[in-house]
Amino acid sequence: MYAVVATGGKQYKVAEGDILRVEKLAGEVGSAIAFDKVLLLSDGENVKVGQPEVAGVTVHGQIVAQAKNKKVLVFKFKRRKGYRRKLGHRQPYTAVRIERIEA
């Protein structure tokens, strides 16, 4: 069984036991979280597609980590002008373990 959930402006295909990295969500490590915006649900033979969401379906998970991704370097440069700027950015994320899909 798998589902497609929407969170943080992105869509993710999830199944039970998956660990998912999503945009930062509020909550402590170990706390429960539920995704109500389920766009698609499949049990192996039947597929339910939402318009835009599948009614009555919730994906439950547990927060595993609150951390930051690897650093992304941003380098600005203009030729012949002596202009150079180096910046770095680390995007925060939340790691969620999917525990069950309730239909």
PDB file of N, CA and C in Angstrom:
ATOM      1  N   MET A   1       0.846  -1.172   0.000  1.00  0.00           N
ATOM      2  CA  MET A   1       0.000   0.000   0.000  1.00  0.00           C
ATOM      3  C   MET A   1       0.893   1.238   0.000  1.00  0.00           C
ATOM      4  N   TYR A   2       0.548   2.197  -0.837  1.00  0.00           N
ATOM      5  CA  TYR A   2       1.283   3.458  -0.853  1.00  0.00           C
ATOM      6  C   TYR A   2       0.325   4.604  -1.084  1.00  0.00           C
ATOM      7  N   ALA A   3       0.805   5.821  -0.802  1.00  0.00           N
ATOM      8  CA  ALA A   3      -0.007   7.019  -0.973  1.00  0.00           C
ATOM      9  C   ALA A   3       0.893   8.142  -1.469  1.00  0.00           C
ATOM     10  N   VAL A   4       0.272   9.157  -2.023  1.00  0.00           N
ATOM     11  CA  VAL A   4       0.988  10.375  -2.422  1.00  0.00           C
ATOM     12  C   VAL A   4       0.438  11.499  -1.555  1.00  0.00           C
ATOM     13  N   VAL A   5       1.333  12.123  -0.764  1.00  0.00           N
ATOM     14  CA  VAL A   5       0.931  13.209   0.128  1.00  0.00           C
ATOM     15  C   VAL A   5       1.575  14.505  -0.328  1.00  0.00           C
ATOM     16  N   ALA A   6       0.934  15.622   0.014  1.00  0.00           N
ATOM     17  CA  ALA A   6       1.458  16.940  -0.312  1.00  0.00           C
ATOM     18  C   ALA A   6       1.783  17.664   0.984  1.00  0.00           C
ATOM     19  N   THR A   7       3.003  18.188   1.079  1.00  0.00           N
ATOM     20  CA  THR A   7       3.415  18.991   2.224  1.00  0.00           C
ATOM     21  C   THR A   7       4.579  19.874   1.796  1.00  0.00           C
ATOM     22  N   GLY A   8       4.588  21.086   2.290  1.00  0.00           N
ATOM     23  CA  GLY A   8       5.676  22.009   1.974  1.00  0.00           C
ATOM     24  C   GLY A   8       5.748  22.385   0.502  1.00  0.00           C
ATOM     25  N   GLY A   9       4.616  22.324  -0.212  1.00  0.00           N
ATOM     26  CA  GLY A   9       4.600  22.679  -1.622  1.00  0.00           C
ATOM     27  C   GLY A   9       5.133  21.599  -2.540  1.00  0.00           C
ATOM     28  N   LYS A  10       5.366  20.410  -2.007  1.00  0.00           N
ATOM     29  CA  LYS A  10       5.892  19.300  -2.807  1.00  0.00           C
ATOM     30  C   LYS A  10       5.015  18.065  -2.590  1.00  0.00           C
ATOM     31  N   GLN A  11       5.168  17.091  -3.492  1.00  0.00           N
ATOM     32  CA  GLN A  11       4.417  15.847  -3.376  1.00  0.00           C
ATOM     33  C   GLN A  11       5.387  14.692  -3.173  1.00  0.00           C
ATOM     34  N   TYR A  12       5.021  13.753  -2.293  1.00  0.00           N
ATOM     35  CA  TYR A  12       5.885  12.629  -1.958  1.00  0.00           C
ATOM     36  C   TYR A  12       5.104  11.322  -2.031  1.00  0.00           C
ATOM     37  N   LYS A  13       5.713  10.298  -2.624  1.00  0.00           N
ATOM     38  CA  LYS A  13       5.139   8.957  -2.614  1.00  0.00           C
ATOM     39  C   LYS A  13       5.654   8.257  -1.363  1.00  0.00           C
ATOM     40  N   VAL A  14       4.749   7.774  -0.511  1.00  0.00           N
ATOM     41  CA  VAL A  14       5.139   7.176   0.762  1.00  0.00           C
ATOM     42  C   VAL A  14       4.506   5.802   0.931  1.00  0.00           C
ATOM     43  N   ALA A  15       5.197   4.948   1.654  1.00  0.00           N
ATOM     44  CA  ALA A  15       4.689   3.641   2.055  1.00  0.00           C
ATOM     45  C   ALA A  15       5.043   3.453   3.533  1.00  0.00           C
ATOM     46  N   GLU A  16       4.439   2.478   4.174  1.00  0.00           N
ATOM     47  CA  GLU A  16       4.705   2.228   5.588  1.00  0.00           C
ATOM     48  C   GLU A  16       6.166   1.837   5.778  1.00  0.00           C
ATOM     49  N   GLY A  17       6.818   2.455   6.769  1.00  0.00           N
ATOM     50  CA  GLY A  17       8.211   2.168   7.071  1.00  0.00           C
ATOM     51  C   GLY A  17       9.196   3.101   6.386  1.00  0.00           C
ATOM     52  N   ASP A  18       8.745   3.916   5.436  1.00  0.00           N
ATOM     53  CA  ASP A  18       9.647   4.854   4.747  1.00  0.00           C
ATOM     54  C   ASP A  18      10.070   5.971   5.679  1.00  0.00           C
ATOM     55  N   ILE A  19      11.294   6.472   5.460  1.00  0.00           N
ATOM     56  CA  ILE A  19      11.749   7.684   6.138  1.00  0.00           C
ATOM     57  C   ILE A  19      11.790   8.779   5.093  1.00  0.00           C
ATOM     58  N   LEU A  20      11.102   9.860   5.376  1.00  0.00           N
ATOM     59  CA  LEU A  20      10.843  10.916   4.413  1.00  0.00           C
ATOM     60  C   LEU A  20      11.444  12.219   4.913  1.00  0.00           C
ATOM     61  N   ARG A  21      12.171  12.934   4.048  1.00  0.00           N
ATOM     62  CA  ARG A  21      12.703  14.257   4.388  1.00  0.00           C
ATOM     63  C   ARG A  21      11.813  15.311   3.757  1.00  0.00           C
ATOM     64  N   VAL A  22      11.160  16.108   4.592  1.00  0.00           N
ATOM     65  CA  VAL A  22      10.250  17.145   4.111  1.00  0.00           C
ATOM     66  C   VAL A  22      10.728  18.509   4.609  1.00  0.00           C
ATOM     67  N   GLU A  23      10.132  19.559   4.069  1.00  0.00           N
ATOM     68  CA  GLU A  23      10.424  20.903   4.561  1.00  0.00           C
ATOM     69  C   GLU A  23      10.132  20.954   6.051  1.00  0.00           C
ATOM     70  N   LYS A  24      10.828  21.833   6.766  1.00  0.00           N
ATOM     71  CA  LYS A  24      10.744  21.875   8.222  1.00  0.00           C
ATOM     72  C   LYS A  24       9.303  21.997   8.713  1.00  0.00           C
ATOM     73  N   LEU A  25       8.951  21.088   9.640  1.00  0.00           N
ATOM     74  CA  LEU A  25       7.640  21.079  10.284  1.00  0.00           C
ATOM     75  C   LEU A  25       7.825  21.314  11.779  1.00  0.00           C
ATOM     76  N   ALA A  26       6.834  21.917  12.404  1.00  0.00           N
ATOM     77  CA  ALA A  26       6.897  22.161  13.846  1.00  0.00           C
ATOM     78  C   ALA A  26       6.703  20.846  14.588  1.00  0.00           C
ATOM     79  N   GLY A  27       7.480  20.648  15.655  1.00  0.00           N
ATOM     80  CA  GLY A  27       7.341  19.448  16.470  1.00  0.00           C
ATOM     81  C   GLY A  27       8.682  18.976  16.977  1.00  0.00           C
ATOM     82  N   GLU A  28       8.634  18.252  18.076  1.00  0.00           N
ATOM     83  CA  GLU A  28       9.835  17.704  18.693  1.00  0.00           C
ATOM     84  C   GLU A  28      10.125  16.321  18.128  1.00  0.00           C
ATOM     85  N   VAL A  29      11.384  15.883  18.269  1.00  0.00           N
ATOM     86  CA  VAL A  29      11.766  14.534  17.843  1.00  0.00           C
ATOM     87  C   VAL A  29      11.014  13.526  18.702  1.00  0.00           C
ATOM     88  N   GLY A  30      10.378  12.555  18.056  1.00  0.00           N
ATOM     89  CA  GLY A  30       9.601  11.541  18.761  1.00  0.00           C
ATOM     90  C   GLY A  30       8.112  11.818  18.790  1.00  0.00           C
ATOM     91  N   SER A  31       7.699  13.026  18.415  1.00  0.00           N
ATOM     92  CA  SER A  31       6.267  13.330  18.435  1.00  0.00           C
ATOM     93  C   SER A  31       5.581  12.833  17.166  1.00  0.00           C
ATOM     94  N   ALA A  32       4.284  12.606  17.274  1.00  0.00           N
ATOM     95  CA  ALA A  32       3.502  12.086  16.148  1.00  0.00           C
ATOM     96  C   ALA A  32       3.079  13.220  15.230  1.00  0.00           C
ATOM     97  N   ILE A  33       2.899  12.890  13.952  1.00  0.00           N
ATOM     98  CA  ILE A  33       2.474  13.867  12.958  1.00  0.00           C
ATOM     99  C   ILE A  33       1.549  13.168  11.974  1.00  0.00           C
ATOM    100  N   ALA A  34       0.585  13.912  11.438  1.00  0.00           N
ATOM    101  CA  ALA A  34      -0.373  13.330  10.496  1.00  0.00           C
ATOM    102  C   ALA A  34      -0.435  14.207   9.245  1.00  0.00           C
ATOM    103  N   PHE A  35      -0.477  13.560   8.091  1.00  0.00           N
ATOM    104  CA  PHE A  35      -0.623  14.242   6.810  1.00  0.00           C
ATOM    105  C   PHE A  35      -2.047  14.007   6.322  1.00  0.00           C
ATOM    106  N   ASP A  36      -2.843  15.075   6.246  1.00  0.00           N
ATOM    107  CA  ASP A  36      -4.237  14.959   5.831  1.00  0.00           C
ATOM    108  C   ASP A  36      -4.413  15.166   4.335  1.00  0.00           C
ATOM    109  N   LYS A  37      -3.464  15.814   3.704  1.00  0.00           N
ATOM    110  CA  LYS A  37      -3.577  16.132   2.281  1.00  0.00           C
ATOM    111  C   LYS A  37      -3.045  14.956   1.459  1.00  0.00           C
ATOM    112  N   VAL A  38      -3.881  13.934   1.273  1.00  0.00           N
ATOM    113  CA  VAL A  38      -3.513  12.732   0.524  1.00  0.00           C
ATOM    114  C   VAL A  38      -4.107  12.864  -0.879  1.00  0.00           C
ATOM    115  N   LEU A  39      -3.254  12.837  -1.894  1.00  0.00           N
ATOM    116  CA  LEU A  39      -3.693  13.048  -3.270  1.00  0.00           C
ATOM    117  C   LEU A  39      -4.019  11.749  -3.997  1.00  0.00           C
ATOM    118  N   LEU A  40      -3.406  10.636  -3.573  1.00  0.00           N
ATOM    119  CA  LEU A  40      -3.614   9.359  -4.244  1.00  0.00           C
ATOM    120  C   LEU A  40      -3.413   8.246  -3.234  1.00  0.00           C
ATOM    121  N   LEU A  41      -4.185   7.176  -3.362  1.00  0.00           N
ATOM    122  CA  LEU A  41      -4.060   6.019  -2.488  1.00  0.00           C
ATOM    123  C   LEU A  41      -4.156   4.760  -3.325  1.00  0.00           C
ATOM    124  N   SER A  42      -3.201   3.830  -3.122  1.00  0.00           N
ATOM    125  CA  SER A  42      -3.199   2.566  -3.847  1.00  0.00           C
ATOM    126  C   SER A  42      -2.968   1.435  -2.863  1.00  0.00           C
ATOM    127  N   ASP A  43      -3.773   0.354  -2.993  1.00  0.00           N
ATOM    128  CA  ASP A  43      -3.591  -0.810  -2.138  1.00  0.00           C
ATOM    129  C   ASP A  43      -3.010  -1.987  -2.911  1.00  0.00           C
ATOM    130  N   GLY A  44      -2.474  -1.745  -4.093  1.00  0.00           N
ATOM    131  CA  GLY A  44      -1.877  -2.808  -4.893  1.00  0.00           C
ATOM    132  C   GLY A  44      -2.687  -3.132  -6.125  1.00  0.00           C
ATOM    133  N   GLU A  45      -4.010  -3.139  -5.985  1.00  0.00           N
ATOM    134  CA  GLU A  45      -4.859  -3.427  -7.146  1.00  0.00           C
ATOM    135  C   GLU A  45      -5.848  -2.300  -7.438  1.00  0.00           C
ATOM    136  N   ASN A  46      -6.290  -1.594  -6.397  1.00  0.00           N
ATOM    137  CA  ASN A  46      -7.203  -0.468  -6.585  1.00  0.00           C
ATOM    138  C   ASN A  46      -6.470   0.841  -6.347  1.00  0.00           C
ATOM    139  N   VAL A  47      -6.758   1.827  -7.185  1.00  0.00           N
ATOM    140  CA  VAL A  47      -6.143   3.144  -7.052  1.00  0.00           C
ATOM    141  C   VAL A  47      -7.251   4.179  -6.902  1.00  0.00           C
ATOM    142  N   LYS A  48      -7.150   5.003  -5.844  1.00  0.00           N
ATOM    143  CA  LYS A  48      -8.089   6.105  -5.644  1.00  0.00           C
ATOM    144  C   LYS A  48      -7.344   7.411  -5.882  1.00  0.00           C
ATOM    145  N   VAL A  49      -7.836   8.199  -6.813  1.00  0.00           N
ATOM    146  CA  VAL A  49      -7.234   9.497  -7.124  1.00  0.00           C
ATOM    147  C   VAL A  49      -8.167  10.571  -6.608  1.00  0.00           C
ATOM    148  N   GLY A  50      -7.629  11.515  -5.837  1.00  0.00           N
ATOM    149  CA  GLY A  50      -8.439  12.578  -5.255  1.00  0.00           C
ATOM    150  C   GLY A  50      -8.732  13.694  -6.232  1.00  0.00           C
ATOM    151  N   GLN A  51      -9.784  14.476  -5.906  1.00  0.00           N
ATOM    152  CA  GLN A  51     -10.160  15.606  -6.742  1.00  0.00           C
ATOM    153  C   GLN A  51     -10.358  16.834  -5.881  1.00  0.00           C
ATOM    154  N   PRO A  52      -9.389  17.482  -5.300  1.00  0.00           N
ATOM    155  CA  PRO A  52      -7.955  17.245  -5.383  1.00  0.00           C
ATOM    156  C   PRO A  52      -7.418  16.281  -4.325  1.00  0.00           C
ATOM    157  N   GLU A  53      -8.215  15.991  -3.259  1.00  0.00           N
ATOM    158  CA  GLU A  53      -7.724  15.111  -2.189  1.00  0.00           C
ATOM    159  C   GLU A  53      -8.644  13.909  -2.029  1.00  0.00           C
ATOM    160  N   VAL A  54      -8.088  12.795  -1.543  1.00  0.00           N
ATOM    161  CA  VAL A  54      -8.881  11.608  -1.245  1.00  0.00           C
ATOM    162  C   VAL A  54      -9.488  11.807   0.139  1.00  0.00           C
ATOM    163  N   ALA A  55     -10.811  11.721   0.232  1.00  0.00           N
ATOM    164  CA  ALA A  55     -11.507  11.969   1.494  1.00  0.00           C
ATOM    165  C   ALA A  55     -11.346  10.787   2.440  1.00  0.00           C
ATOM    166  N   GLY A  56     -11.154  11.078   3.729  1.00  0.00           N
ATOM    167  CA  GLY A  56     -11.119  10.045   4.751  1.00  0.00           C
ATOM    168  C   GLY A  56      -9.817   9.271   4.847  1.00  0.00           C
ATOM    169  N   VAL A  57      -8.757   9.745   4.232  1.00  0.00           N
ATOM    170  CA  VAL A  57      -7.472   9.049   4.280  1.00  0.00           C
ATOM    171  C   VAL A  57      -6.464   9.930   5.008  1.00  0.00           C
ATOM    172  N   THR A  58      -5.738   9.334   5.946  1.00  0.00           N
ATOM    173  CA  THR A  58      -4.715  10.051   6.706  1.00  0.00           C
ATOM    174  C   THR A  58      -3.460   9.195   6.771  1.00  0.00           C
ATOM    175  N   VAL A  59      -2.298   9.841   6.623  1.00  0.00           N
ATOM    176  CA  VAL A  59      -1.010   9.167   6.749  1.00  0.00           C
ATOM    177  C   VAL A  59      -0.396   9.602   8.076  1.00  0.00           C
ATOM    178  N   HIS A  60      -0.104   8.630   8.940  1.00  0.00           N
ATOM    179  CA  HIS A  60       0.453   8.918  10.259  1.00  0.00           C
ATOM    180  C   HIS A  60       1.942   8.603  10.273  1.00  0.00           C
ATOM    181  N   GLY A  61       2.708   9.452  10.966  1.00  0.00           N
ATOM    182  CA  GLY A  61       4.144   9.243  11.067  1.00  0.00           C
ATOM    183  C   GLY A  61       4.677   9.753  12.385  1.00  0.00           C
ATOM    184  N   GLN A  62       5.984   9.602  12.539  1.00  0.00           N
ATOM    185  CA  GLN A  62       6.667  10.049  13.748  1.00  0.00           C
ATOM    186  C   GLN A  62       7.911  10.816  13.334  1.00  0.00           C
ATOM    187  N   ILE A  63       8.162  11.959  13.987  1.00  0.00           N
ATOM    188  CA  ILE A  63       9.331  12.773  13.658  1.00  0.00           C
ATOM    189  C   ILE A  63      10.583  12.076  14.172  1.00  0.00           C
ATOM    190  N   VAL A  64      11.533  11.837  13.260  1.00  0.00           N
ATOM    191  CA  VAL A  64      12.770  11.140  13.601  1.00  0.00           C
ATOM    192  C   VAL A  64      13.898  12.132  13.864  1.00  0.00           C
ATOM    193  N   ALA A  65      13.953  13.226  13.087  1.00  0.00           N
ATOM    194  CA  ALA A  65      15.045  14.197  13.231  1.00  0.00           C
ATOM    195  C   ALA A  65      14.595  15.573  12.758  1.00  0.00           C
ATOM    196  N   GLN A  66      15.186  16.599  13.378  1.00  0.00           N
ATOM    197  CA  GLN A  66      15.080  17.986  12.927  1.00  0.00           C
ATOM    198  C   GLN A  66      16.518  18.408  12.650  1.00  0.00           C
ATOM    199  N   ALA A  67      16.873  18.631  11.391  1.00  0.00           N
ATOM    200  CA  ALA A  67      18.274  18.902  11.062  1.00  0.00           C
ATOM    201  C   ALA A  67      18.366  19.849   9.870  1.00  0.00           C
ATOM    202  N   LYS A  68      19.603  20.022   9.375  1.00  0.00           N
ATOM    203  CA  LYS A  68      19.852  20.853   8.198  1.00  0.00           C
ATOM    204  C   LYS A  68      20.542  20.024   7.129  1.00  0.00           C
ATOM    205  N   ASN A  69      20.251  20.340   5.857  1.00  0.00           N
ATOM    206  CA  ASN A  69      20.897  19.674   4.728  1.00  0.00           C
ATOM    207  C   ASN A  69      22.342  20.119   4.604  1.00  0.00           C
ATOM    208  N   LYS A  70      23.049  19.530   3.640  1.00  0.00           N
ATOM    209  CA  LYS A  70      24.413  19.944   3.351  1.00  0.00           C
ATOM    210  C   LYS A  70      24.422  21.376   2.843  1.00  0.00           C
ATOM    211  N   LYS A  71      25.545  22.040   2.999  1.00  0.00           N
ATOM    212  CA  LYS A  71      25.652  23.434   2.596  1.00  0.00           C
ATOM    213  C   LYS A  71      25.665  23.563   1.076  1.00  0.00           C
ATOM    214  N   VAL A  72      24.892  24.524   0.586  1.00  0.00           N
ATOM    215  CA  VAL A  72      24.869  24.867  -0.834  1.00  0.00           C
ATOM    216  C   VAL A  72      25.606  26.193  -0.974  1.00  0.00           C
ATOM    217  N   LEU A  73      26.642  26.218  -1.820  1.00  0.00           N
ATOM    218  CA  LEU A  73      27.411  27.442  -2.023  1.00  0.00           C
ATOM    219  C   LEU A  73      26.813  28.268  -3.148  1.00  0.00           C
ATOM    220  N   VAL A  74      26.725  29.578  -2.904  1.00  0.00           N
ATOM    221  CA  VAL A  74      26.239  30.527  -3.897  1.00  0.00           C
ATOM    222  C   VAL A  74      27.393  31.475  -4.174  1.00  0.00           C
ATOM    223  N   PHE A  75      27.867  31.510  -5.419  1.00  0.00           N
ATOM    224  CA  PHE A  75      29.010  32.340  -5.777  1.00  0.00           C
ATOM    225  C   PHE A  75      28.582  33.320  -6.856  1.00  0.00           C
ATOM    226  N   LYS A  76      28.668  34.632  -6.544  1.00  0.00           N
ATOM    227  CA  LYS A  76      28.322  35.667  -7.504  1.00  0.00           C
ATOM    228  C   LYS A  76      29.604  36.262  -8.049  1.00  0.00           C
ATOM    229  N   PHE A  77      29.611  36.544  -9.346  1.00  0.00           N
ATOM    230  CA  PHE A  77      30.837  36.990  -9.996  1.00  0.00           C
ATOM    231  C   PHE A  77      30.489  37.860 -11.200  1.00  0.00           C
ATOM    232  N   LYS A  78      31.196  38.989 -11.331  1.00  0.00           N
ATOM    233  CA  LYS A  78      31.067  39.821 -12.536  1.00  0.00           C
ATOM    234  C   LYS A  78      32.452  40.026 -13.119  1.00  0.00           C
ATOM    235  N   ARG A  79      32.618  39.652 -14.347  1.00  0.00           N
ATOM    236  CA  ARG A  79      33.948  39.676 -14.937  1.00  0.00           C
ATOM    237  C   ARG A  79      34.467  41.103 -15.100  1.00  0.00           C
ATOM    238  N   ARG A  80      35.757  41.237 -14.921  1.00  0.00           N
ATOM    239  CA  ARG A  80      36.519  42.475 -15.100  1.00  0.00           C
ATOM    240  C   ARG A  80      36.142  43.597 -14.137  1.00  0.00           C
ATOM    241  N   LYS A  81      35.328  43.333 -13.140  1.00  0.00           N
ATOM    242  CA  LYS A  81      34.892  44.390 -12.223  1.00  0.00           C
ATOM    243  C   LYS A  81      35.407  44.189 -10.807  1.00  0.00           C
ATOM    244  N   GLY A  82      36.034  43.057 -10.542  1.00  0.00           N
ATOM    245  CA  GLY A  82      36.529  42.783  -9.196  1.00  0.00           C
ATOM    246  C   GLY A  82      35.415  42.457  -8.209  1.00  0.00           C
ATOM    247  N   TYR A  83      34.272  42.046  -8.714  1.00  0.00           N
ATOM    248  CA  TYR A  83      33.127  41.743  -7.866  1.00  0.00           C
ATOM    249  C   TYR A  83      33.008  40.239  -7.668  1.00  0.00           C
ATOM    250  N   ARG A  84      33.166  39.791  -6.426  1.00  0.00           N
ATOM    251  CA  ARG A  84      32.997  38.380  -6.080  1.00  0.00           C
ATOM    252  C   ARG A  84      32.339  38.285  -4.715  1.00  0.00           C
ATOM    253  N   ARG A  85      31.323  37.467  -4.598  1.00  0.00           N
ATOM    254  CA  ARG A  85      30.654  37.239  -3.324  1.00  0.00           C
ATOM    255  C   ARG A  85      30.409  35.739  -3.165  1.00  0.00           C
ATOM    256  N   LYS A  86      30.745  35.224  -2.000  1.00  0.00           N
ATOM    257  CA  LYS A  86      30.545  33.808  -1.718  1.00  0.00           C
ATOM    258  C   LYS A  86      29.617  33.692  -0.510  1.00  0.00           C
ATOM    259  N   LEU A  87      28.503  33.002  -0.706  1.00  0.00           N
ATOM    260  CA  LEU A  87      27.526  32.798   0.350  1.00  0.00           C
ATOM    261  C   LEU A  87      27.245  31.311   0.494  1.00  0.00           C
ATOM    262  N   GLY A  88      26.774  30.913   1.650  1.00  0.00           N
ATOM    263  CA  GLY A  88      26.380  29.530   1.867  1.00  0.00           C
ATOM    264  C   GLY A  88      24.988  29.481   2.470  1.00  0.00           C
ATOM    265  N   HIS A  89      24.291  28.365   2.234  1.00  0.00           N
ATOM    266  CA  HIS A  89      22.943  28.215   2.775  1.00  0.00           C
ATOM    267  C   HIS A  89      22.712  26.756   3.152  1.00  0.00           C
ATOM    268  N   ARG A  90      22.115  26.528   4.332  1.00  0.00           N
ATOM    269  CA  ARG A  90      21.733  25.183   4.767  1.00  0.00           C
ATOM    270  C   ARG A  90      20.239  25.184   5.038  1.00  0.00           C
ATOM    271  N   GLN A  91      19.509  24.403   4.246  1.00  0.00           N
ATOM    272  CA  GLN A  91      18.052  24.347   4.360  1.00  0.00           C
ATOM    273  C   GLN A  91      17.647  23.403   5.486  1.00  0.00           C
ATOM    274  N   PRO A  92      16.823  23.858   6.430  1.00  0.00           N
ATOM    275  CA  PRO A  92      16.357  22.947   7.486  1.00  0.00           C
ATOM    276  C   PRO A  92      15.324  21.962   6.945  1.00  0.00           C
ATOM    277  N   TYR A  93      15.313  20.752   7.517  1.00  0.00           N
ATOM    278  CA  TYR A  93      14.344  19.734   7.112  1.00  0.00           C
ATOM    279  C   TYR A  93      13.897  18.940   8.329  1.00  0.00           C
ATOM    280  N   THR A  94      12.827  18.189   8.140  1.00  0.00           N
ATOM    281  CA  THR A  94      12.306  17.286   9.160  1.00  0.00           C
ATOM    282  C   THR A  94      12.267  15.887   8.564  1.00  0.00           C
ATOM    283  N   ALA A  95      12.851  14.922   9.252  1.00  0.00           N
ATOM    284  CA  ALA A  95      12.802  13.526   8.815  1.00  0.00           C
ATOM    285  C   ALA A  95      11.635  12.852   9.540  1.00  0.00           C
ATOM    286  N   VAL A  96      10.751  12.226   8.758  1.00  0.00           N
ATOM    287  CA  VAL A  96       9.544  11.603   9.296  1.00  0.00           C
ATOM    288  C   VAL A  96       9.519  10.132   8.899  1.00  0.00           C
ATOM    289  N   ARG A  97       9.271   9.230   9.881  1.00  0.00           N
ATOM    290  CA  ARG A  97       9.084   7.812   9.580  1.00  0.00           C
ATOM    291  C   ARG A  97       7.582   7.572   9.445  1.00  0.00           C
ATOM    292  N   ILE A  98       7.182   7.017   8.304  1.00  0.00           N
ATOM    293  CA  ILE A  98       5.769   6.738   8.056  1.00  0.00           C
ATOM    294  C   ILE A  98       5.398   5.448   8.783  1.00  0.00           C
ATOM    295  N   GLU A  99       4.408   5.526   9.672  1.00  0.00           N
ATOM    296  CA  GLU A  99       4.024   4.382  10.487  1.00  0.00           C
ATOM    297  C   GLU A  99       2.813   3.636   9.927  1.00  0.00           C
ATOM    298  N   ARG A 100       1.793   4.370   9.495  1.00  0.00           N
ATOM    299  CA  ARG A 100       0.620   3.692   8.937  1.00  0.00           C
ATOM    300  C   ARG A 100      -0.164   4.630   8.038  1.00  0.00           C
ATOM    301  N   ILE A 101      -0.921   4.010   7.139  1.00  0.00           N
ATOM    302  CA  ILE A 101      -1.807   4.738   6.235  1.00  0.00           C
ATOM    303  C   ILE A 101      -3.229   4.294   6.573  1.00  0.00           C
ATOM    304  N   GLU A 102      -4.042   5.219   7.064  1.00  0.00           N
ATOM    305  CA  GLU A 102      -5.417   4.912   7.442  1.00  0.00           C
ATOM    306  C   GLU A 102      -6.366   5.308   6.347  1.00  0.00           C
ATOM    307  N   ALA A 103      -7.146   4.352   5.864  1.00  0.00           N
ATOM    308  CA  ALA A 103      -8.118   4.639   4.820  1.00  0.00           C
ATOM    309  C   ALA A 103      -9.529   4.540   5.387  1.00  0.00           C
TER     310      ALA A 103
END
